[in-house]
Amino acid sequence: MMYIESMKRTVFLALFISLLAACSGPISTNKAENAMRSFFSALVERDYQTAANLYGGSYTELAQMNPDTSPTDYVTLWQRGCEQNGFVCMEVLDIVRVEVKGSQVEFAVTFKTKDGKQFEFTGCCGETLLIAITEYVIVVEKEADGNYKVLSLPPYVP
């Protein structure tokens, strides 16, 4: 008898989860792209509050770089990240590839420098890469409430 009750609960839970997933609707690559572009535009415009609202990823790396700042002071962490810590906060120039993976959309993008050219990472610290890095993967996730949040940090140049 207990086995049957356990099976009923398992089936009910599986149906409930499926229903929740269906209610959130399909992934919109357009909405994900808009969230991504808005996030990077906010960083460029130094609108760090908007950037923080559009970001759903981990702040661990930013917090570790700024031990004198509260790990929940997201505005200051973004300011420091873009202005002091080596993150290169630029507009998205082009989308090279888009792939939907469950509740996430993965974009391979190129970035635009302040002078309008494509950003190329050619190396640092006295080392030169054989091939410049021009494409970066940016992940955007659809949350349960239907909003899209960026999970990836901007490119980093030490």
Protein backbone atom coordinates (compact mmCIF):
# COMPACT_ATOMS: atom_id res chain seq x y z
CA MET A 1 0.00 0.00 0.00
CA MET A 2 2.80 2.42 0.89
CA TYR A 3 4.47 1.64 -2.46
CA ILE A 4 1.29 2.65 -4.34
CA GLU A 5 0.99 5.89 -2.38
CA SER A 6 4.65 6.65 -3.06
CA MET A 7 4.12 6.02 -6.79
CA LYS A 8 1.03 8.27 -6.81
CA ARG A 9 3.04 11.08 -5.21
CA THR A 10 5.88 10.61 -7.70
CA VAL A 11 3.51 10.70 -10.68
CA PHE A 12 1.70 13.74 -9.26
CA LEU A 13 5.00 15.55 -8.69
CA ALA A 14 6.17 14.79 -12.23
CA LEU A 15 2.89 16.06 -13.69
CA PHE A 16 3.03 19.19 -11.52
CA ILE A 17 6.59 19.99 -12.63
CA SER A 18 5.61 19.45 -16.27
CA LEU A 19 2.66 21.78 -15.83
CA LEU A 20 4.87 24.48 -14.30
CA ALA A 21 7.33 24.19 -17.17
CA ALA A 22 4.51 24.49 -19.70
CA CYS A 23 3.09 27.56 -17.96
CA SER A 24 6.34 29.45 -18.26
CA GLY A 25 5.98 29.23 -22.04
CA PRO A 26 8.54 28.66 -24.75
CA ILE A 27 11.93 30.30 -24.79
CA SER A 28 12.01 33.52 -26.79
CA THR A 29 15.41 34.09 -28.35
CA ASN A 30 14.31 37.66 -29.14
CA LYS A 31 13.58 38.40 -25.47
CA ALA A 32 16.82 36.72 -24.43
CA GLU A 33 18.74 38.80 -26.97
CA ASN A 34 17.04 42.00 -25.79
CA ALA A 35 17.99 41.21 -22.18
CA MET A 36 21.59 40.52 -23.19
CA ARG A 37 21.93 43.66 -25.28
CA SER A 38 20.27 45.77 -22.55
CA PHE A 39 22.63 44.33 -19.93
CA PHE A 40 25.78 45.19 -21.87
CA SER A 41 24.40 48.60 -22.88
CA ALA A 42 23.72 49.37 -19.21
CA LEU A 43 27.31 48.47 -18.33
CA VAL A 44 28.64 50.74 -21.10
CA GLU A 45 26.37 53.59 -19.96
CA ARG A 46 27.49 53.00 -16.35
CA ASP A 47 23.91 52.30 -15.35
CA TYR A 48 25.03 49.65 -12.91
CA GLN A 49 21.64 49.36 -11.19
CA THR A 50 19.97 48.33 -14.44
CA ALA A 51 22.84 45.94 -15.15
CA ALA A 52 22.41 44.37 -11.70
CA ASN A 53 18.68 43.95 -12.36
CA LEU A 54 19.41 42.15 -15.65
CA TYR A 55 22.10 39.88 -14.20
CA GLY A 56 21.25 36.52 -12.68
CA GLY A 57 24.69 34.92 -12.52
CA SER A 58 27.18 34.52 -9.72
CA TYR A 59 28.83 37.50 -8.06
CA THR A 60 31.57 35.35 -6.50
CA GLU A 61 34.35 36.50 -8.83
CA LEU A 62 33.44 40.18 -8.52
CA ALA A 63 33.16 39.88 -4.73
CA GLN A 64 36.56 38.15 -4.50
CA MET A 65 38.15 40.96 -6.51
CA ASN A 66 36.62 43.53 -4.16
CA PRO A 67 36.91 42.20 -0.59
CA ASP A 68 36.28 45.70 0.82
CA THR A 69 32.80 45.75 -0.76
CA SER A 70 29.73 43.92 0.49
CA PRO A 71 29.09 40.88 -1.72
CA THR A 72 25.48 42.06 -2.03
CA ASP A 73 26.37 45.61 -3.14
CA TYR A 74 25.85 44.69 -6.76
CA VAL A 75 25.99 48.25 -8.09
CA THR A 76 29.45 48.85 -6.62
CA LEU A 77 30.64 45.41 -7.72
CA TRP A 78 29.64 46.19 -11.32
CA GLN A 79 31.22 49.64 -11.14
CA ARG A 80 34.49 48.19 -9.88
CA GLY A 81 34.29 45.31 -12.34
CA CYS A 82 34.01 47.61 -15.35
CA GLU A 83 36.13 50.52 -14.14
CA GLN A 84 38.89 48.90 -12.05
CA ASN A 85 38.98 45.09 -12.11
CA GLY A 86 39.67 44.40 -15.77
CA PHE A 87 36.29 43.44 -17.13
CA VAL A 88 35.86 45.00 -20.55
CA CYS A 89 32.30 46.32 -20.63
CA MET A 90 31.29 46.83 -24.27
CA GLU A 91 28.26 46.75 -26.53
CA VAL A 92 27.47 43.56 -28.42
CA LEU A 93 28.58 44.01 -32.02
CA ASP A 94 27.24 40.85 -33.63
CA ILE A 95 25.65 37.54 -32.76
CA VAL A 96 27.52 34.71 -34.42
CA ARG A 97 25.48 31.76 -33.13
CA VAL A 98 22.37 31.12 -31.02
CA GLU A 99 21.54 27.84 -29.30
CA VAL A 100 18.62 27.09 -26.98
CA LYS A 101 19.48 24.67 -24.16
CA GLY A 102 16.50 24.06 -21.91
CA SER A 103 15.67 27.32 -20.11
CA GLN A 104 18.86 28.95 -21.36
CA VAL A 105 19.88 30.64 -24.58
CA GLU A 106 23.56 30.54 -25.43
CA PHE A 107 24.83 33.33 -27.66
CA ALA A 108 28.24 33.41 -29.31
CA VAL A 109 28.88 37.12 -29.74
CA THR A 110 31.48 39.64 -30.74
CA PHE A 111 31.88 42.94 -28.93
CA LYS A 112 32.37 46.49 -30.17
CA THR A 113 35.16 48.70 -28.84
CA LYS A 114 34.57 52.39 -28.10
CA ASP A 115 35.88 53.27 -31.57
CA GLY A 116 33.37 50.89 -33.20
CA LYS A 117 35.80 48.11 -34.12
CA GLN A 118 35.48 44.45 -33.22
CA PHE A 119 37.13 43.65 -29.90
CA GLU A 120 40.04 41.22 -30.13
CA PHE A 121 41.86 39.75 -27.16
CA THR A 122 45.40 39.12 -28.38
CA GLY A 123 47.01 38.22 -25.07
CA CYS A 124 48.32 39.83 -21.94
CA CYS A 125 51.18 39.98 -19.56
CA GLY A 126 53.84 39.86 -22.27
CA GLU A 127 52.29 36.84 -24.01
CA THR A 128 50.71 37.04 -27.46
CA LEU A 129 48.10 34.53 -28.57
CA LEU A 130 48.59 32.82 -31.93
CA ILE A 131 44.94 33.50 -32.76
CA ALA A 132 43.06 36.47 -31.28
CA ILE A 133 39.91 35.69 -29.33
CA THR A 134 36.98 37.51 -30.88
CA GLU A 135 33.95 35.40 -29.92
CA TYR A 136 32.53 35.09 -26.43
CA VAL A 137 29.74 32.85 -25.14
CA ILE A 138 27.04 34.69 -23.23
CA VAL A 139 24.33 32.67 -21.51
CA VAL A 140 20.88 34.10 -20.81
CA GLU A 141 18.32 32.22 -18.74
CA LYS A 142 14.55 32.43 -18.65
CA GLU A 143 13.43 32.55 -15.05
CA ALA A 144 10.22 31.08 -13.64
CA ASP A 145 8.59 34.53 -13.69
CA GLY A 146 9.23 34.81 -17.45
CA ASN A 147 12.04 37.36 -17.18
CA TYR A 148 15.40 36.78 -18.86
CA LYS A 149 18.68 37.28 -16.97
CA VAL A 150 22.27 37.24 -18.17
CA LEU A 151 24.41 34.63 -16.43
CA SER A 152 27.80 35.45 -17.98
CA LEU A 153 30.36 38.06 -17.02
CA PRO A 154 31.86 40.42 -19.61
CA PRO A 155 35.25 39.59 -21.15
CA TYR A 156 38.14 39.91 -18.71
CA VAL A 157 41.55 41.32 -19.55
CA PRO A 158 44.06 41.03 -16.69
